[in-house]
PDB file of N, CA and C in Angstrom:
ATOM      1  N   UNK A   1      84.734  69.689  97.960  1.00  0.00           N
ATOM      2  CA  UNK A   1      85.212  70.278  99.178  1.00  0.00           C
ATOM      3  C   UNK A   1      85.220  71.801  99.019  1.00  0.00           C
ATOM      4  N   UNK A   2      84.954  72.486 100.093  1.00  0.00           N
ATOM      5  CA  UNK A   2      84.919  73.946 100.109  1.00  0.00           C
ATOM      6  C   UNK A   2      85.974  74.489 101.063  1.00  0.00           C
ATOM      7  N   UNK A   3      86.392  75.725 100.804  1.00  0.00           N
ATOM      8  CA  UNK A   3      87.393  76.384 101.649  1.00  0.00           C
ATOM      9  C   UNK A   3      86.824  77.717 102.120  1.00  0.00           C
ATOM     10  N   UNK A   4      86.866  77.939 103.435  1.00  0.00           N
ATOM     11  CA  UNK A   4      86.421  79.204 104.019  1.00  0.00           C
ATOM     12  C   UNK A   4      87.598  80.176 103.975  1.00  0.00           C
ATOM     13  N   UNK A   5      87.430  81.294 103.260  1.00  0.00           N
ATOM     14  CA  UNK A   5      88.497  82.281 103.098  1.00  0.00           C
ATOM     15  C   UNK A   5      88.434  83.413 104.115  1.00  0.00           C
ATOM     16  N   UNK A   6      87.381  83.396 104.946  1.00  0.00           N
ATOM     17  CA  UNK A   6      87.210  84.436 105.954  1.00  0.00           C
ATOM     18  C   UNK A   6      85.958  85.242 105.703  1.00  0.00           C
ATOM     19  N   UNK A   7      85.421  85.839 106.754  1.00  0.00           N
ATOM     20  CA  UNK A   7      84.241  86.715 106.692  1.00  0.00           C
ATOM     21  C   UNK A   7      83.082  86.100 105.909  1.00  0.00           C
ATOM     22  N   UNK A   8      82.887  84.807 106.071  1.00  0.00           N
ATOM     23  CA  UNK A   8      81.760  84.136 105.440  1.00  0.00           C
ATOM     24  C   UNK A   8      81.926  83.806 103.967  1.00  0.00           C
ATOM     25  N   UNK A   9      83.100  84.058 103.394  1.00  0.00           N
ATOM     26  CA  UNK A   9      83.333  83.753 101.984  1.00  0.00           C
ATOM     27  C   UNK A   9      83.856  82.329 101.865  1.00  0.00           C
ATOM     28  N   UNK A  10      83.148  81.526 101.070  1.00  0.00           N
ATOM     29  CA  UNK A  10      83.497  80.124 100.880  1.00  0.00           C
ATOM     30  C   UNK A  10      83.583  79.846  99.382  1.00  0.00           C
ATOM     31  N   UNK A  11      84.633  79.126  98.953  1.00  0.00           N
ATOM     32  CA  UNK A  11      84.803  78.770  97.541  1.00  0.00           C
ATOM     33  C   UNK A  11      85.071  77.274  97.423  1.00  0.00           C
ATOM     34  N   UNK A  12      84.829  76.732  96.245  1.00  0.00           N
ATOM     35  CA  UNK A  12      85.141  75.327  95.991  1.00  0.00           C
ATOM     36  C   UNK A  12      86.652  75.152  95.896  1.00  0.00           C
ATOM     37  N   UNK A  13      87.177  74.176  96.591  1.00  0.00           N
ATOM     38  CA  UNK A  13      88.613  73.909  96.557  1.00  0.00           C
ATOM     39  C   UNK A  13      89.057  73.511  95.160  1.00  0.00           C
ATOM     40  N   UNK A  14      88.196  72.876  94.398  1.00  0.00           N
ATOM     41  CA  UNK A  14      88.564  72.432  93.054  1.00  0.00           C
ATOM     42  C   UNK A  14      88.868  73.597  92.117  1.00  0.00           C
ATOM     43  N   UNK A  15      88.366  74.795  92.433  1.00  0.00           N
ATOM     44  CA  UNK A  15      88.619  75.960  91.601  1.00  0.00           C
ATOM     45  C   UNK A  15      89.843  76.764  91.989  1.00  0.00           C
ATOM     46  N   UNK A  16      90.484  76.392  93.086  1.00  0.00           N
ATOM     47  CA  UNK A  16      91.655  77.140  93.536  1.00  0.00           C
ATOM     48  C   UNK A  16      92.863  76.859  92.658  1.00  0.00           C
ATOM     49  N   UNK A  17      93.479  77.920  92.198  1.00  0.00           N
ATOM     50  CA  UNK A  17      94.703  77.820  91.407  1.00  0.00           C
ATOM     51  C   UNK A  17      95.908  77.902  92.334  1.00  0.00           C
ATOM     52  N   UNK A  18      95.835  78.767  93.345  1.00  0.00           N
ATOM     53  CA  UNK A  18      96.943  78.922  94.280  1.00  0.00           C
ATOM     54  C   UNK A  18      96.583  79.817  95.445  1.00  0.00           C
ATOM     55  N   UNK A  19      97.314  79.626  96.529  1.00  0.00           N
ATOM     56  CA  UNK A  19      97.185  80.454  97.724  1.00  0.00           C
ATOM     57  C   UNK A  19      98.571  81.023  97.998  1.00  0.00           C
ATOM     58  N   UNK A  20      98.645  82.333  98.203  1.00  0.00           N
ATOM     59  CA  UNK A  20      99.942  83.000  98.288  1.00  0.00           C
ATOM     60  C   UNK A  20     100.020  83.923  99.493  1.00  0.00           C
ATOM     61  N   UNK A  21     101.183  83.974 100.110  1.00  0.00           N
ATOM     62  CA  UNK A  21     101.465  84.897 101.205  1.00  0.00           C
ATOM     63  C   UNK A  21     101.628  86.281 100.584  1.00  0.00           C
ATOM     64  N   UNK A  22     100.815  87.216 100.979  1.00  0.00           N
ATOM     65  CA  UNK A  22     100.803  88.532 100.337  1.00  0.00           C
ATOM     66  C   UNK A  22     102.100  89.301 100.586  1.00  0.00           C
ATOM     67  N   UNK A  23     102.683  89.146 101.758  1.00  0.00           N
ATOM     68  CA  UNK A  23     103.904  89.874 102.086  1.00  0.00           C
ATOM     69  C   UNK A  23     105.096  89.369 101.278  1.00  0.00           C
ATOM     70  N   UNK A  24     105.202  88.060 101.133  1.00  0.00           N
ATOM     71  CA  UNK A  24     106.335  87.472 100.399  1.00  0.00           C
ATOM     72  C   UNK A  24     106.226  87.660  98.895  1.00  0.00           C
ATOM     73  N   UNK A  25     105.029  87.606  98.350  1.00  0.00           N
ATOM     74  CA  UNK A  25     104.889  87.604  96.898  1.00  0.00           C
ATOM     75  C   UNK A  25     104.718  88.973  96.267  1.00  0.00           C
ATOM     76  N   UNK A  26     104.212  89.949  96.984  1.00  0.00           N
ATOM     77  CA  UNK A  26     103.988  91.264  96.375  1.00  0.00           C
ATOM     78  C   UNK A  26     105.272  92.058  96.204  1.00  0.00           C
ATOM     79  N   UNK A  27     106.391  91.509  96.606  1.00  0.00           N
ATOM     80  CA  UNK A  27     107.672  92.182  96.385  1.00  0.00           C
ATOM     81  C   UNK A  27     108.161  91.971  94.947  1.00  0.00           C
ATOM     82  N   UNK A  28     107.540  91.066  94.211  1.00  0.00           N
ATOM     83  CA  UNK A  28     107.960  90.812  92.830  1.00  0.00           C
ATOM     84  C   UNK A  28     107.101  91.619  91.857  1.00  0.00           C
ATOM     85  N   UNK A  29     107.725  92.148  90.809  1.00  0.00           N
ATOM     86  CA  UNK A  29     106.968  92.946  89.835  1.00  0.00           C
ATOM     87  C   UNK A  29     105.842  92.153  89.156  1.00  0.00           C
ATOM     88  N   UNK A  30     106.070  90.885  88.853  1.00  0.00           N
ATOM     89  CA  UNK A  30     105.044  90.082  88.165  1.00  0.00           C
ATOM     90  C   UNK A  30     103.787  89.920  89.021  1.00  0.00           C
ATOM     91  N   UNK A  31     103.976  89.723  90.314  1.00  0.00           N
ATOM     92  CA  UNK A  31     102.816  89.584  91.195  1.00  0.00           C
ATOM     93  C   UNK A  31     102.060  90.897  91.275  1.00  0.00           C
ATOM     94  N   UNK A  32     102.776  91.988  91.403  1.00  0.00           N
ATOM     95  CA  UNK A  32     102.120  93.303  91.442  1.00  0.00           C
ATOM     96  C   UNK A  32     101.357  93.561  90.140  1.00  0.00           C
ATOM     97  N   UNK A  33     101.953  93.189  89.000  1.00  0.00           N
ATOM     98  CA  UNK A  33     101.283  93.340  87.703  1.00  0.00           C
ATOM     99  C   UNK A  33     100.018  92.483  87.648  1.00  0.00           C
ATOM    100  N   UNK A  34     100.122  91.241  88.122  1.00  0.00           N
ATOM    101  CA  UNK A  34      98.969  90.343  88.131  1.00  0.00           C
ATOM    102  C   UNK A  34      97.837  90.929  88.971  1.00  0.00           C
ATOM    103  N   UNK A  35      98.164  91.382  90.176  1.00  0.00           N
ATOM    104  CA  UNK A  35      97.134  91.941  91.057  1.00  0.00           C
ATOM    105  C   UNK A  35      96.529  93.219  90.471  1.00  0.00           C
ATOM    106  N   UNK A  36      97.360  94.056  89.855  1.00  0.00           N
ATOM    107  CA  UNK A  36      96.853  95.290  89.234  1.00  0.00           C
ATOM    108  C   UNK A  36      95.928  94.958  88.061  1.00  0.00           C
ATOM    109  N   UNK A  37      96.304  93.980  87.242  1.00  0.00           N
ATOM    110  CA  UNK A  37      95.468  93.575  86.107  1.00  0.00           C
ATOM    111  C   UNK A  37      94.151  92.974  86.595  1.00  0.00           C
ATOM    112  N   UNK A  38      94.209  92.168  87.650  1.00  0.00           N
ATOM    113  CA  UNK A  38      92.991  91.581  88.221  1.00  0.00           C
ATOM    114  C   UNK A  38      92.074  92.670  88.762  1.00  0.00           C
ATOM    115  N   UNK A  39      92.659  93.653  89.405  1.00  0.00           N
ATOM    116  CA  UNK A  39      91.881  94.777  89.942  1.00  0.00           C
ATOM    117  C   UNK A  39      91.211  95.543  88.808  1.00  0.00           C
ATOM    118  N   UNK A  40      91.955  95.786  87.750  1.00  0.00           N
ATOM    119  CA  UNK A  40      91.420  96.532  86.600  1.00  0.00           C
ATOM    120  C   UNK A  40      90.244  95.792  85.964  1.00  0.00           C
ATOM    121  N   UNK A  41      90.314  94.459  85.937  1.00  0.00           N
ATOM    122  CA  UNK A  41      89.236  93.635  85.367  1.00  0.00           C
ATOM    123  C   UNK A  41      88.094  93.404  86.348  1.00  0.00           C
ATOM    124  N   UNK A  42      88.224  94.004  87.526  1.00  0.00           N
ATOM    125  CA  UNK A  42      87.222  93.849  88.601  1.00  0.00           C
ATOM    126  C   UNK A  42      87.076  92.393  89.038  1.00  0.00           C
ATOM    127  N   UNK A  43      88.214  91.690  89.109  1.00  0.00           N
ATOM    128  CA  UNK A  43      88.241  90.295  89.530  1.00  0.00           C
ATOM    129  C   UNK A  43      88.732  90.116  90.966  1.00  0.00           C
ATOM    130  N   UNK A  44      88.997  91.214  91.660  1.00  0.00           N
ATOM    131  CA  UNK A  44      89.516  91.139  93.024  1.00  0.00           C
ATOM    132  C   UNK A  44      88.374  91.299  94.022  1.00  0.00           C
ATOM    133  N   UNK A  45      88.343  90.397  94.994  1.00  0.00           N
ATOM    134  CA  UNK A  45      87.355  90.438  96.064  1.00  0.00           C
ATOM    135  C   UNK A  45      88.120  90.535  97.377  1.00  0.00           C
ATOM    136  N   UNK A  46      87.884  91.585  98.135  1.00  0.00           N
ATOM    137  CA  UNK A  46      88.524  91.730  99.441  1.00  0.00           C
ATOM    138  C   UNK A  46      87.640  91.079 100.488  1.00  0.00           C
ATOM    139  N   UNK A  47      88.220  90.147 101.229  1.00  0.00           N
ATOM    140  CA  UNK A  47      87.490  89.384 102.240  1.00  0.00           C
ATOM    141  C   UNK A  47      87.828  89.981 103.607  1.00  0.00           C
ATOM    142  N   UNK A  48      86.874  90.628 104.239  1.00  0.00           N
ATOM    143  CA  UNK A  48      87.090  91.206 105.567  1.00  0.00           C
ATOM    144  C   UNK A  48      87.737  92.572 105.513  1.00  0.00           C
ATOM    145  N   UNK A  49      87.846  93.164 106.698  1.00  0.00           N
ATOM    146  CA  UNK A  49      88.379  94.520 106.817  1.00  0.00           C
ATOM    147  C   UNK A  49      89.757  94.574 107.461  1.00  0.00           C
ATOM    148  N   UNK A  50      90.235  93.446 107.966  1.00  0.00           N
ATOM    149  CA  UNK A  50      91.530  93.418 108.644  1.00  0.00           C
ATOM    150  C   UNK A  50      92.675  93.485 107.641  1.00  0.00           C
ATOM    151  N   UNK A  51      93.885  93.615 108.175  1.00  0.00           N
ATOM    152  CA  UNK A  51      95.103  93.673 107.368  1.00  0.00           C
ATOM    153  C   UNK A  51      95.229  92.406 106.510  1.00  0.00           C
ATOM    154  N   UNK A  52      95.414  92.534 105.187  1.00  0.00           N
ATOM    155  CA  UNK A  52      95.504  91.350 104.327  1.00  0.00           C
ATOM    156  C   UNK A  52      96.795  90.567 104.555  1.00  0.00           C
ATOM    157  N   UNK A  53      96.656  89.238 104.614  1.00  0.00           N
ATOM    158  CA  UNK A  53      97.808  88.364 104.829  1.00  0.00           C
ATOM    159  C   UNK A  53      98.056  87.433 103.660  1.00  0.00           C
ATOM    160  N   UNK A  54      97.029  87.210 102.842  1.00  0.00           N
ATOM    161  CA  UNK A  54      97.183  86.264 101.734  1.00  0.00           C
ATOM    162  C   UNK A  54      96.241  86.621 100.599  1.00  0.00           C
ATOM    163  N   UNK A  55      96.488  85.989  99.458  1.00  0.00           N
ATOM    164  CA  UNK A  55      95.505  86.062  98.390  1.00  0.00           C
ATOM    165  C   UNK A  55      95.380  84.691  97.755  1.00  0.00           C
ATOM    166  N   UNK A  56      94.171  84.382  97.309  1.00  0.00           N
ATOM    167  CA  UNK A  56      93.875  83.093  96.693  1.00  0.00           C
ATOM    168  C   UNK A  56      93.344  83.352  95.291  1.00  0.00           C
ATOM    169  N   UNK A  57      93.928  82.668  94.323  1.00  0.00           N
ATOM    170  CA  UNK A  57      93.502  82.796  92.939  1.00  0.00           C
ATOM    171  C   UNK A  57      92.548  81.642  92.653  1.00  0.00           C
ATOM    172  N   UNK A  58      91.396  81.969  92.096  1.00  0.00           N
ATOM    173  CA  UNK A  58      90.322  81.017  91.884  1.00  0.00           C
ATOM    174  C   UNK A  58      89.835  81.126  90.445  1.00  0.00           C
ATOM    175  N   UNK A  59      89.626  79.992  89.792  1.00  0.00           N
ATOM    176  CA  UNK A  59      89.113  79.975  88.429  1.00  0.00           C
ATOM    177  C   UNK A  59      88.142  78.813  88.269  1.00  0.00           C
ATOM    178  N   UNK A  60      86.951  79.138  87.788  1.00  0.00           N
ATOM    179  CA  UNK A  60      85.951  78.095  87.571  1.00  0.00           C
ATOM    180  C   UNK A  60      84.948  78.586  86.528  1.00  0.00           C
ATOM    181  N   UNK A  61      84.616  77.717  85.595  1.00  0.00           N
ATOM    182  CA  UNK A  61      83.638  78.039  84.547  1.00  0.00           C
ATOM    183  C   UNK A  61      83.989  79.317  83.789  1.00  0.00           C
ATOM    184  N   UNK A  62      85.264  79.509  83.516  1.00  0.00           N
ATOM    185  CA  UNK A  62      85.702  80.679  82.761  1.00  0.00           C
ATOM    186  C   UNK A  62      85.740  81.980  83.536  1.00  0.00           C
ATOM    187  N   UNK A  63      85.409  81.938  84.814  1.00  0.00           N
ATOM    188  CA  UNK A  63      85.456  83.137  85.660  1.00  0.00           C
ATOM    189  C   UNK A  63      86.673  83.072  86.565  1.00  0.00           C
ATOM    190  N   UNK A  64      87.384  84.187  86.638  1.00  0.00           N
ATOM    191  CA  UNK A  64      88.558  84.271  87.508  1.00  0.00           C
ATOM    192  C   UNK A  64      88.282  85.255  88.634  1.00  0.00           C
ATOM    193  N   UNK A  65      88.768  84.920  89.821  1.00  0.00           N
ATOM    194  CA  UNK A  65      88.647  85.790  90.983  1.00  0.00           C
ATOM    195  C   UNK A  65      89.938  85.693  91.787  1.00  0.00           C
ATOM    196  N   UNK A  66      90.328  86.807  92.351  1.00  0.00           N
ATOM    197  CA  UNK A  66      91.443  86.834  93.285  1.00  0.00           C
ATOM    198  C   UNK A  66      90.894  87.350  94.598  1.00  0.00           C
ATOM    199  N   UNK A  67      90.953  86.510  95.615  1.00  0.00           N
ATOM    200  CA  UNK A  67      90.425  86.848  96.934  1.00  0.00           C
ATOM    201  C   UNK A  67      91.569  87.303  97.829  1.00  0.00           C
ATOM    202  N   UNK A  68      91.452  88.511  98.357  1.00  0.00           N
ATOM    203  CA  UNK A  68      92.425  89.047  99.313  1.00  0.00           C
ATOM    204  C   UNK A  68      91.866  88.734 100.698  1.00  0.00           C
ATOM    205  N   UNK A  69      92.627  87.974 101.499  1.00  0.00           N
ATOM    206  CA  UNK A  69      92.118  87.494 102.785  1.00  0.00           C
ATOM    207  C   UNK A  69      92.984  87.932 103.957  1.00  0.00           C
ATOM    208  N   UNK A  70      92.352  88.086 105.108  1.00  0.00           N
ATOM    209  CA  UNK A  70      93.065  88.413 106.340  1.00  0.00           C
ATOM    210  C   UNK A  70      93.606  87.161 107.026  1.00  0.00           C
ATOM    211  N   UNK A  71      93.316  85.988 106.459  1.00  0.00           N
ATOM    212  CA  UNK A  71      93.790  84.715 107.014  1.00  0.00           C
ATOM    213  C   UNK A  71      95.118  84.357 106.348  1.00  0.00           C
ATOM    214  N   UNK A  72      96.054  83.837 107.118  1.00  0.00           N
ATOM    215  CA  UNK A  72      97.375  83.522 106.576  1.00  0.00           C
ATOM    216  C   UNK A  72      97.296  82.433 105.512  1.00  0.00           C
ATOM    217  N   UNK A  73      98.264  82.457 104.603  1.00  0.00           N
ATOM    218  CA  UNK A  73      98.332  81.455 103.540  1.00  0.00           C
ATOM    219  C   UNK A  73      98.482  80.057 104.131  1.00  0.00           C
ATOM    220  N   UNK A  74      99.266  79.923 105.196  1.00  0.00           N
ATOM    221  CA  UNK A  74      99.468  78.610 105.830  1.00  0.00           C
ATOM    222  C   UNK A  74      98.150  78.055 106.364  1.00  0.00           C
ATOM    223  N   UNK A  75      97.348  78.889 106.989  1.00  0.00           N
ATOM    224  CA  UNK A  75      96.058  78.451 107.520  1.00  0.00           C
ATOM    225  C   UNK A  75      95.114  78.059 106.387  1.00  0.00           C
ATOM    226  N   UNK A  76      95.077  78.856 105.325  1.00  0.00           N
ATOM    227  CA  UNK A  76      94.210  78.527 104.193  1.00  0.00           C
ATOM    228  C   UNK A  76      94.624  77.204 103.551  1.00  0.00           C
ATOM    229  N   UNK A  77      95.917  76.983 103.426  1.00  0.00           N
ATOM    230  CA  UNK A  77      96.401  75.730 102.837  1.00  0.00           C
ATOM    231  C   UNK A  77      96.001  74.537 103.697  1.00  0.00           C
ATOM    232  N   UNK A  78      96.038  74.697 105.008  1.00  0.00           N
ATOM    233  CA  UNK A  78      95.598  73.619 105.901  1.00  0.00           C
ATOM    234  C   UNK A  78      94.116  73.337 105.706  1.00  0.00           C
ATOM    235  N   UNK A  79      93.339  74.380 105.471  1.00  0.00           N
ATOM    236  CA  UNK A  79      91.901  74.212 105.267  1.00  0.00           C
ATOM    237  C   UNK A  79      91.600  73.449 103.979  1.00  0.00           C
ATOM    238  N   UNK A  80      92.447  73.636 102.982  1.00  0.00           N
ATOM    239  CA  UNK A  80      92.256  72.930 101.717  1.00  0.00           C
ATOM    240  C   UNK A  80      92.485  71.432 101.921  1.00  0.00           C
ATOM    241  N   UNK A  81      93.456  71.089 102.739  1.00  0.00           N
ATOM    242  CA  UNK A  81      93.757  69.683 102.989  1.00  0.00           C
ATOM    243  C   UNK A  81      94.869  69.184 102.096  1.00  0.00           C
ATOM    244  N   UNK A  82      95.298  67.991 102.355  1.00  0.00           N
ATOM    245  CA  UNK A  82      96.443  67.441 101.634  1.00  0.00           C
ATOM    246  C   UNK A  82      96.079  66.871 100.269  1.00  0.00           C
ATOM    247  N   UNK A  83      94.803  66.813  99.923  1.00  0.00           N
ATOM    248  CA  UNK A  83      94.388  66.228  98.658  1.00  0.00           C
ATOM    249  C   UNK A  83      94.559  67.117  97.451  1.00  0.00           C
ATOM    250  N   UNK A  84      94.914  68.401  97.658  1.00  0.00           N
ATOM    251  CA  UNK A  84      95.056  69.342  96.547  1.00  0.00           C
ATOM    252  C   UNK A  84      96.468  69.891  96.509  1.00  0.00           C
ATOM    253  N   UNK A  85      97.038  69.998  95.321  1.00  0.00           N
ATOM    254  CA  UNK A  85      98.371  70.533  95.122  1.00  0.00           C
ATOM    255  C   UNK A  85      98.248  72.014  94.817  1.00  0.00           C
ATOM    256  N   UNK A  86      98.785  72.870  95.669  1.00  0.00           N
ATOM    257  CA  UNK A  86      98.739  74.313  95.457  1.00  0.00           C
ATOM    258  C   UNK A  86     100.132  74.895  95.519  1.00  0.00           C
ATOM    259  N   UNK A  87     100.301  76.064  94.907  1.00  0.00           N
ATOM    260  CA  UNK A  87     101.594  76.752  94.894  1.00  0.00           C
ATOM    261  C   UNK A  87     101.907  77.322  96.264  1.00  0.00           C
ATOM    262  N   UNK A  88     103.195  77.538  96.525  1.00  0.00           N
ATOM    263  CA  UNK A  88     103.626  78.189  97.779  1.00  0.00           C
ATOM    264  C   UNK A  88     103.459  79.673  97.698  1.00  0.00           C
TER     265      UNK A  88
END
């Protein structure tokens, strides 16, 4: 199964580690550290030009990516479907 993250970016649902609301989670120091470290490693992909609402952490075949999306975390989770367990 695949998940459309916005602006034509599609990833395999099996590689998703978690989908997070950017507004709720970036208030914590650990999340900010994680995003800064991902950015430094050039693992961050910005999807679209609109205001970011969520980020999705993806890992497959030893490659990690963090996708910053303009689509809400709730909408992305619905797209994944009920067959996958993801973090809030």
